[in-house]
Amino acid sequence: MPDPAATRAGAARARATALARAGERLDRLSLYPRPVRRERVRIVVAPFAFRLPWLRRFDGYAAWGLILLRSAAEDDDLLTHELCHVWQLQHRPLRMPLSYLRSGYDGNPYEAEARAVVAATRRPAVAATAVATATATATATATATSA
């Protein structure tokens, strides 16, 4: 029977490696003045949290330095999306979460930006267009919100 401590350590190493890969994808972009700071970001696999009514529809959830995942399955796109939210929160710690009250989930410019970042870093050919569109949308919404 495998040693539980060794299994946990292996899982922690796998999450750290996946976080590094997601960070490298974001490091290719310059959406914010500083690169994403990931040294204090924790990834927690917590399927029970996604039983809560407001989390049921998601596979991942980011809250400042914490990324919750529904399952341990490695999904670089999901982790990149959630780490992008961490990056957004590092630069707009109040505006970003409050935007969900104003725009909801589906029309939220930060969600659009995170989806565009995943697409842009997955397919280099569309990178400039996807990121420019997401940035323009986020900037226009942020400007309209602060006006």
N, C-alpha and C. Protein backbone atom coordinates (compact mmCIF):
# COMPACT_ATOMS: atom_id res chain seq x y z
N MET A 1 0.85 -1.19 0.00
CA MET A 1 0.00 0.00 0.00
C MET A 1 0.88 1.25 0.00
N PRO A 2 0.57 2.23 -0.85
CA PRO A 2 1.42 3.42 -0.94
C PRO A 2 1.37 4.24 0.35
N ASP A 3 2.47 4.88 0.62
CA ASP A 3 2.60 5.75 1.79
C ASP A 3 1.77 7.02 1.56
N PRO A 4 0.80 7.33 2.46
CA PRO A 4 -0.05 8.52 2.26
C PRO A 4 0.76 9.82 2.21
N ALA A 5 1.81 9.92 3.02
CA ALA A 5 2.62 11.13 3.01
C ALA A 5 3.33 11.30 1.67
N ALA A 6 3.82 10.21 1.11
CA ALA A 6 4.48 10.27 -0.19
C ALA A 6 3.48 10.63 -1.28
N THR A 7 2.28 10.11 -1.16
CA THR A 7 1.23 10.43 -2.14
C THR A 7 0.88 11.91 -2.10
N ARG A 8 0.72 12.46 -0.88
CA ARG A 8 0.43 13.89 -0.73
C ARG A 8 1.57 14.74 -1.27
N ALA A 9 2.80 14.33 -0.98
CA ALA A 9 3.97 15.09 -1.46
C ALA A 9 4.02 15.07 -2.98
N GLY A 10 3.72 13.93 -3.58
CA GLY A 10 3.71 13.84 -5.04
C GLY A 10 2.63 14.72 -5.64
N ALA A 11 1.46 14.74 -5.00
CA ALA A 11 0.36 15.59 -5.48
C ALA A 11 0.73 17.06 -5.36
N ALA A 12 1.37 17.43 -4.26
CA ALA A 12 1.80 18.82 -4.06
C ALA A 12 2.82 19.23 -5.12
N ARG A 13 3.75 18.33 -5.44
CA ARG A 13 4.74 18.63 -6.49
C ARG A 13 4.05 18.80 -7.85
N ALA A 14 3.08 17.95 -8.13
CA ALA A 14 2.36 18.04 -9.40
C ALA A 14 1.61 19.37 -9.50
N ARG A 15 0.97 19.80 -8.39
CA ARG A 15 0.26 21.09 -8.40
C ARG A 15 1.23 22.25 -8.57
N ALA A 16 2.39 22.18 -7.92
CA ALA A 16 3.40 23.24 -8.05
C ALA A 16 3.91 23.33 -9.49
N THR A 17 4.11 22.19 -10.12
CA THR A 17 4.58 22.15 -11.51
C THR A 17 3.51 22.73 -12.43
N ALA A 18 2.25 22.35 -12.20
CA ALA A 18 1.15 22.86 -13.03
C ALA A 18 1.00 24.38 -12.84
N LEU A 19 1.17 24.86 -11.61
CA LEU A 19 1.10 26.29 -11.35
C LEU A 19 2.22 27.03 -12.08
N ALA A 20 3.40 26.44 -12.09
CA ALA A 20 4.53 27.05 -12.80
C ALA A 20 4.24 27.13 -14.30
N ARG A 21 3.66 26.07 -14.86
CA ARG A 21 3.31 26.09 -16.30
C ARG A 21 2.30 27.20 -16.59
N ALA A 22 1.28 27.32 -15.74
CA ALA A 22 0.26 28.36 -15.93
C ALA A 22 0.90 29.74 -15.80
N GLY A 23 1.79 29.90 -14.84
CA GLY A 23 2.48 31.17 -14.66
C GLY A 23 3.33 31.53 -15.87
N GLU A 24 3.98 30.55 -16.45
CA GLU A 24 4.78 30.80 -17.65
C GLU A 24 3.91 31.27 -18.81
N ARG A 25 2.70 30.74 -18.90
CA ARG A 25 1.78 31.19 -19.95
C ARG A 25 1.42 32.66 -19.73
N LEU A 26 1.14 33.03 -18.48
CA LEU A 26 0.78 34.42 -18.19
C LEU A 26 1.98 35.35 -18.34
N ASP A 27 3.17 34.85 -18.06
CA ASP A 27 4.38 35.68 -18.17
C ASP A 27 4.63 36.16 -19.59
N ARG A 28 4.04 35.51 -20.57
CA ARG A 28 4.20 35.93 -21.97
C ARG A 28 3.41 37.19 -22.28
N LEU A 29 2.49 37.55 -21.40
CA LEU A 29 1.58 38.67 -21.64
C LEU A 29 1.98 39.87 -20.78
N SER A 30 1.47 41.03 -21.15
CA SER A 30 1.73 42.23 -20.37
C SER A 30 0.42 42.98 -20.12
N LEU A 31 -0.55 42.28 -19.57
CA LEU A 31 -1.85 42.89 -19.30
C LEU A 31 -1.80 43.85 -18.13
N TYR A 32 -0.91 43.60 -17.19
CA TYR A 32 -0.82 44.40 -15.97
C TYR A 32 0.62 44.84 -15.78
N PRO A 33 0.83 45.88 -14.97
CA PRO A 33 2.18 46.44 -14.82
C PRO A 33 3.22 45.46 -14.28
N ARG A 34 2.79 44.55 -13.42
CA ARG A 34 3.72 43.58 -12.83
C ARG A 34 3.28 42.17 -13.19
N PRO A 35 4.23 41.24 -13.34
CA PRO A 35 3.85 39.85 -13.60
C PRO A 35 3.10 39.25 -12.40
N VAL A 36 2.37 38.19 -12.66
CA VAL A 36 1.63 37.53 -11.59
C VAL A 36 2.62 37.01 -10.54
N ARG A 37 2.29 37.29 -9.28
CA ARG A 37 3.11 36.79 -8.17
C ARG A 37 2.48 35.49 -7.70
N ARG A 38 3.16 34.39 -7.94
CA ARG A 38 2.55 33.09 -7.64
C ARG A 38 3.21 32.38 -6.48
N GLU A 39 4.20 33.00 -5.84
CA GLU A 39 4.89 32.30 -4.76
C GLU A 39 3.99 31.99 -3.56
N ARG A 40 2.94 32.75 -3.35
CA ARG A 40 2.03 32.48 -2.22
C ARG A 40 0.69 31.91 -2.65
N VAL A 41 0.57 31.55 -3.90
CA VAL A 41 -0.69 31.00 -4.41
C VAL A 41 -0.76 29.52 -4.03
N ARG A 42 -1.87 29.16 -3.43
CA ARG A 42 -2.10 27.76 -3.05
C ARG A 42 -3.19 27.18 -3.92
N ILE A 43 -2.98 25.93 -4.30
CA ILE A 43 -4.01 25.20 -5.04
C ILE A 43 -4.56 24.13 -4.11
N VAL A 44 -5.87 24.13 -3.96
CA VAL A 44 -6.53 23.16 -3.10
C VAL A 44 -7.58 22.43 -3.92
N VAL A 45 -7.49 21.12 -3.93
CA VAL A 45 -8.52 20.30 -4.58
C VAL A 45 -9.59 20.06 -3.52
N ALA A 46 -10.76 20.62 -3.75
CA ALA A 46 -11.83 20.58 -2.75
C ALA A 46 -13.17 20.31 -3.43
N PRO A 47 -13.42 19.07 -3.83
CA PRO A 47 -14.67 18.78 -4.53
C PRO A 47 -15.91 19.11 -3.70
N PHE A 48 -15.81 19.01 -2.39
CA PHE A 48 -16.95 19.30 -1.52
C PHE A 48 -17.38 20.77 -1.62
N ALA A 49 -16.43 21.68 -1.86
CA ALA A 49 -16.77 23.10 -1.96
C ALA A 49 -17.68 23.37 -3.15
N PHE A 50 -17.55 22.56 -4.19
CA PHE A 50 -18.33 22.77 -5.40
C PHE A 50 -19.74 22.19 -5.29
N ARG A 51 -20.08 21.70 -4.13
CA ARG A 51 -21.47 21.31 -3.84
C ARG A 51 -22.29 22.51 -3.39
N LEU A 52 -21.59 23.57 -2.98
CA LEU A 52 -22.29 24.79 -2.56
C LEU A 52 -23.02 25.39 -3.77
N PRO A 53 -24.22 25.92 -3.55
CA PRO A 53 -25.03 26.39 -4.67
C PRO A 53 -24.32 27.40 -5.58
N TRP A 54 -23.56 28.34 -5.02
CA TRP A 54 -22.94 29.36 -5.85
C TRP A 54 -21.66 28.88 -6.55
N LEU A 55 -21.20 27.67 -6.25
CA LEU A 55 -20.01 27.14 -6.91
C LEU A 55 -20.30 25.95 -7.81
N ARG A 56 -21.52 25.46 -7.81
CA ARG A 56 -21.86 24.23 -8.55
C ARG A 56 -21.51 24.28 -10.02
N ARG A 57 -21.66 25.42 -10.63
CA ARG A 57 -21.47 25.50 -12.08
C ARG A 57 -20.01 25.63 -12.50
N PHE A 58 -19.10 25.73 -11.52
CA PHE A 58 -17.69 25.95 -11.83
C PHE A 58 -16.84 24.71 -11.59
N ASP A 59 -15.71 24.65 -12.27
CA ASP A 59 -14.70 23.61 -12.04
C ASP A 59 -13.51 24.17 -11.28
N GLY A 60 -13.42 25.50 -11.21
CA GLY A 60 -12.35 26.16 -10.48
C GLY A 60 -12.84 27.48 -9.94
N TYR A 61 -12.17 27.98 -8.92
CA TYR A 61 -12.56 29.24 -8.29
C TYR A 61 -11.32 29.87 -7.70
N ALA A 62 -11.11 31.15 -7.98
CA ALA A 62 -9.93 31.85 -7.45
C ALA A 62 -10.38 32.92 -6.47
N ALA A 63 -9.68 32.98 -5.36
CA ALA A 63 -9.92 34.02 -4.36
C ALA A 63 -8.57 34.47 -3.83
N TRP A 64 -8.09 35.58 -4.36
CA TRP A 64 -6.79 36.17 -4.02
C TRP A 64 -5.68 35.13 -4.14
N GLY A 65 -5.15 34.59 -3.07
CA GLY A 65 -4.03 33.65 -3.16
C GLY A 65 -4.44 32.20 -3.11
N LEU A 66 -5.70 31.91 -3.37
CA LEU A 66 -6.20 30.54 -3.28
C LEU A 66 -6.92 30.17 -4.57
N ILE A 67 -6.58 29.01 -5.09
CA ILE A 67 -7.29 28.47 -6.24
C ILE A 67 -7.91 27.15 -5.80
N LEU A 68 -9.24 27.09 -5.85
CA LEU A 68 -9.95 25.86 -5.54
C LEU A 68 -10.25 25.14 -6.85
N LEU A 69 -10.03 23.83 -6.86
CA LEU A 69 -10.34 23.02 -8.02
C LEU A 69 -11.30 21.91 -7.63
N ARG A 70 -12.21 21.60 -8.54
CA ARG A 70 -13.17 20.52 -8.29
C ARG A 70 -12.48 19.17 -8.26
N SER A 71 -11.50 18.97 -9.15
CA SER A 71 -10.82 17.67 -9.20
C SER A 71 -9.32 17.87 -9.38
N ALA A 72 -8.59 16.79 -9.12
CA ALA A 72 -7.13 16.83 -9.23
C ALA A 72 -6.66 16.63 -10.65
N ALA A 73 -7.57 16.38 -11.57
CA ALA A 73 -7.17 16.17 -12.97
C ALA A 73 -6.43 17.40 -13.47
N GLU A 74 -5.31 17.15 -14.11
CA GLU A 74 -4.51 18.29 -14.60
C GLU A 74 -5.17 18.90 -15.81
N ASP A 75 -5.50 20.16 -15.69
CA ASP A 75 -6.09 20.92 -16.79
C ASP A 75 -5.38 22.27 -16.81
N ASP A 76 -4.38 22.38 -17.68
CA ASP A 76 -3.58 23.60 -17.73
C ASP A 76 -4.41 24.81 -18.10
N ASP A 77 -5.42 24.63 -18.95
CA ASP A 77 -6.25 25.76 -19.34
C ASP A 77 -7.05 26.28 -18.14
N LEU A 78 -7.64 25.39 -17.36
CA LEU A 78 -8.39 25.80 -16.18
C LEU A 78 -7.48 26.51 -15.19
N LEU A 79 -6.33 25.94 -14.95
CA LEU A 79 -5.41 26.55 -13.98
C LEU A 79 -4.91 27.91 -14.48
N THR A 80 -4.67 28.04 -15.77
CA THR A 80 -4.26 29.33 -16.33
C THR A 80 -5.37 30.35 -16.17
N HIS A 81 -6.61 29.93 -16.42
CA HIS A 81 -7.77 30.81 -16.25
C HIS A 81 -7.87 31.31 -14.80
N GLU A 82 -7.76 30.38 -13.87
CA GLU A 82 -7.88 30.77 -12.45
C GLU A 82 -6.69 31.60 -11.99
N LEU A 83 -5.49 31.29 -12.47
CA LEU A 83 -4.32 32.09 -12.10
C LEU A 83 -4.43 33.49 -12.70
N CYS A 84 -5.06 33.62 -13.85
CA CYS A 84 -5.32 34.94 -14.41
C CYS A 84 -6.20 35.75 -13.46
N HIS A 85 -7.20 35.11 -12.85
CA HIS A 85 -8.02 35.81 -11.86
C HIS A 85 -7.19 36.25 -10.66
N VAL A 86 -6.26 35.42 -10.23
CA VAL A 86 -5.36 35.81 -9.14
C VAL A 86 -4.58 37.05 -9.55
N TRP A 87 -4.10 37.07 -10.79
CA TRP A 87 -3.35 38.21 -11.31
C TRP A 87 -4.23 39.46 -11.33
N GLN A 88 -5.47 39.30 -11.77
CA GLN A 88 -6.40 40.43 -11.79
C GLN A 88 -6.62 40.95 -10.37
N LEU A 89 -6.79 40.04 -9.43
CA LEU A 89 -7.00 40.43 -8.03
C LEU A 89 -5.77 41.11 -7.43
N GLN A 90 -4.59 40.74 -7.87
CA GLN A 90 -3.38 41.38 -7.38
C GLN A 90 -3.31 42.84 -7.81
N HIS A 91 -3.92 43.16 -8.95
CA HIS A 91 -3.88 44.53 -9.45
C HIS A 91 -5.16 45.31 -9.20
N ARG A 92 -6.26 44.62 -9.02
CA ARG A 92 -7.55 45.28 -8.78
C ARG A 92 -8.30 44.52 -7.69
N PRO A 93 -7.79 44.59 -6.45
CA PRO A 93 -8.33 43.75 -5.37
C PRO A 93 -9.77 44.03 -4.98
N LEU A 94 -10.28 45.19 -5.25
CA LEU A 94 -11.68 45.48 -4.95
C LEU A 94 -12.54 45.52 -6.21
N ARG A 95 -12.03 46.19 -7.23
CA ARG A 95 -12.80 46.37 -8.46
C ARG A 95 -13.15 45.03 -9.11
N MET A 96 -12.19 44.11 -9.12
CA MET A 96 -12.43 42.83 -9.80
C MET A 96 -13.56 42.04 -9.15
N PRO A 97 -13.51 41.76 -7.84
CA PRO A 97 -14.63 40.98 -7.27
C PRO A 97 -15.96 41.74 -7.29
N LEU A 98 -15.93 43.05 -7.12
CA LEU A 98 -17.18 43.82 -7.14
C LEU A 98 -17.80 43.86 -8.53
N SER A 99 -17.00 43.64 -9.56
CA SER A 99 -17.52 43.67 -10.92
C SER A 99 -18.57 42.58 -11.15
N TYR A 100 -18.49 41.51 -10.37
CA TYR A 100 -19.47 40.43 -10.53
C TYR A 100 -20.86 40.86 -10.05
N LEU A 101 -20.90 41.80 -9.12
CA LEU A 101 -22.19 42.33 -8.67
C LEU A 101 -22.83 43.18 -9.76
N ARG A 102 -22.01 43.89 -10.50
CA ARG A 102 -22.51 44.77 -11.55
C ARG A 102 -22.79 44.02 -12.85
N SER A 103 -21.87 43.16 -13.26
CA SER A 103 -21.95 42.53 -14.57
C SER A 103 -22.41 41.09 -14.55
N GLY A 104 -22.43 40.46 -13.37
CA GLY A 104 -22.72 39.04 -13.31
C GLY A 104 -21.54 38.25 -13.83
N TYR A 105 -21.75 36.97 -14.04
CA TYR A 105 -20.65 36.11 -14.49
C TYR A 105 -20.49 36.15 -16.01
N ASP A 106 -21.58 35.92 -16.72
CA ASP A 106 -21.51 35.75 -18.17
C ASP A 106 -21.02 37.00 -18.89
N GLY A 107 -21.39 38.18 -18.43
CA GLY A 107 -20.99 39.42 -19.09
C GLY A 107 -19.81 40.11 -18.44
N ASN A 108 -19.13 39.43 -17.55
CA ASN A 108 -18.06 40.07 -16.80
C ASN A 108 -16.79 40.23 -17.64
N PRO A 109 -16.23 41.45 -17.69
CA PRO A 109 -15.03 41.67 -18.50
C PRO A 109 -13.81 40.91 -17.98
N TYR A 110 -13.75 40.63 -16.69
CA TYR A 110 -12.62 39.88 -16.15
C TYR A 110 -12.69 38.40 -16.56
N GLU A 111 -13.90 37.88 -16.66
CA GLU A 111 -14.07 36.52 -17.18
C GLU A 111 -13.68 36.47 -18.66
N ALA A 112 -14.11 37.48 -19.40
CA ALA A 112 -13.75 37.54 -20.83
C ALA A 112 -12.23 37.62 -20.98
N GLU A 113 -11.61 38.41 -20.15
CA GLU A 113 -10.15 38.54 -20.22
C GLU A 113 -9.46 37.21 -19.89
N ALA A 114 -9.92 36.52 -18.86
CA ALA A 114 -9.32 35.24 -18.48
C ALA A 114 -9.51 34.19 -19.58
N ARG A 115 -10.68 34.17 -20.19
CA ARG A 115 -10.91 33.23 -21.30
C ARG A 115 -10.01 33.58 -22.49
N ALA A 116 -9.86 34.87 -22.77
CA ALA A 116 -9.01 35.30 -23.88
C ALA A 116 -7.54 34.97 -23.61
N VAL A 117 -7.12 35.09 -22.37
CA VAL A 117 -5.74 34.76 -22.00
C VAL A 117 -5.48 33.28 -22.26
N VAL A 118 -6.42 32.43 -21.87
CA VAL A 118 -6.25 30.99 -22.11
C VAL A 118 -6.14 30.72 -23.61
N ALA A 119 -7.04 31.31 -24.38
CA ALA A 119 -7.02 31.10 -25.83
C ALA A 119 -5.72 31.66 -26.44
N ALA A 120 -5.30 32.81 -25.97
CA ALA A 120 -4.12 33.45 -26.55
C ALA A 120 -2.85 32.68 -26.24
N THR A 121 -2.77 32.11 -25.08
CA THR A 121 -1.54 31.40 -24.72
C THR A 121 -1.57 29.95 -25.21
N ARG A 122 -2.72 29.47 -25.62
CA ARG A 122 -2.82 28.13 -26.18
C ARG A 122 -2.49 28.15 -27.66
N ARG A 123 -2.95 29.18 -28.35
CA ARG A 123 -2.75 29.29 -29.80
C ARG A 123 -2.05 30.62 -30.10
N PRO A 124 -0.75 30.60 -30.29
CA PRO A 124 -0.01 31.84 -30.51
C PRO A 124 -0.52 32.68 -31.68
N ALA A 125 -1.12 32.07 -32.68
CA ALA A 125 -1.56 32.82 -33.85
C ALA A 125 -2.65 33.83 -33.53
N VAL A 126 -3.47 33.54 -32.53
CA VAL A 126 -4.56 34.46 -32.20
C VAL A 126 -4.25 35.27 -30.95
N ALA A 127 -3.06 35.19 -30.45
CA ALA A 127 -2.71 35.82 -29.18
C ALA A 127 -2.96 37.32 -29.19
N ALA A 128 -2.43 38.01 -30.15
CA ALA A 128 -2.54 39.47 -30.15
C ALA A 128 -4.00 39.91 -30.23
N THR A 129 -4.78 39.29 -31.09
CA THR A 129 -6.18 39.67 -31.26
C THR A 129 -6.99 39.38 -30.01
N ALA A 130 -6.86 38.20 -29.45
CA ALA A 130 -7.66 37.81 -28.29
C ALA A 130 -7.34 38.67 -27.09
N VAL A 131 -6.07 38.90 -26.81
CA VAL A 131 -5.69 39.69 -25.64
C VAL A 131 -6.07 41.14 -25.84
N ALA A 132 -5.87 41.68 -27.03
CA ALA A 132 -6.22 43.07 -27.29
C ALA A 132 -7.72 43.29 -27.12
N THR A 133 -8.53 42.35 -27.61
CA THR A 133 -9.98 42.46 -27.47
C THR A 133 -10.39 42.40 -26.01
N ALA A 134 -9.84 41.46 -25.27
CA ALA A 134 -10.19 41.32 -23.85
C ALA A 134 -9.75 42.53 -23.06
N THR A 135 -8.57 43.05 -23.35
CA THR A 135 -8.07 44.21 -22.63
C THR A 135 -8.92 45.44 -22.94
N ALA A 136 -9.28 45.62 -24.19
CA ALA A 136 -10.12 46.76 -24.56
C ALA A 136 -11.48 46.67 -23.88
N THR A 137 -12.05 45.47 -23.81
CA THR A 137 -13.35 45.29 -23.15
C THR A 137 -13.24 45.58 -21.66
N ALA A 138 -12.19 45.04 -21.03
CA ALA A 138 -12.01 45.25 -19.59
C ALA A 138 -11.77 46.72 -19.30
N THR A 139 -10.98 47.41 -20.13
CA THR A 139 -10.69 48.82 -19.92
C THR A 139 -11.94 49.66 -20.10
N ALA A 140 -12.72 49.36 -21.12
CA ALA A 140 -13.95 50.12 -21.37
C ALA A 140 -14.94 49.94 -20.23
N THR A 141 -15.06 48.72 -19.72
CA THR A 141 -15.98 48.47 -18.62
C THR A 141 -15.49 49.13 -17.35
N ALA A 142 -14.19 49.04 -17.07
CA ALA A 142 -13.62 49.66 -15.87
C ALA A 142 -13.80 51.18 -15.93
N THR A 143 -13.61 51.76 -17.10
CA THR A 143 -13.77 53.20 -17.25
C THR A 143 -15.22 53.60 -17.03
N ALA A 144 -16.15 52.82 -17.60
CA ALA A 144 -17.57 53.13 -17.44
C ALA A 144 -18.00 52.95 -15.99
N THR A 145 -17.43 51.97 -15.30
CA THR A 145 -17.78 51.72 -13.91
C THR A 145 -17.29 52.83 -13.01
N SER A 146 -16.08 53.34 -13.27
CA SER A 146 -15.51 54.35 -12.39
C SER A 146 -16.03 55.75 -12.72
N ALA A 147 -16.70 55.92 -13.84
CA ALA A 147 -17.19 57.25 -14.22
C ALA A 147 -18.45 57.62 -13.47
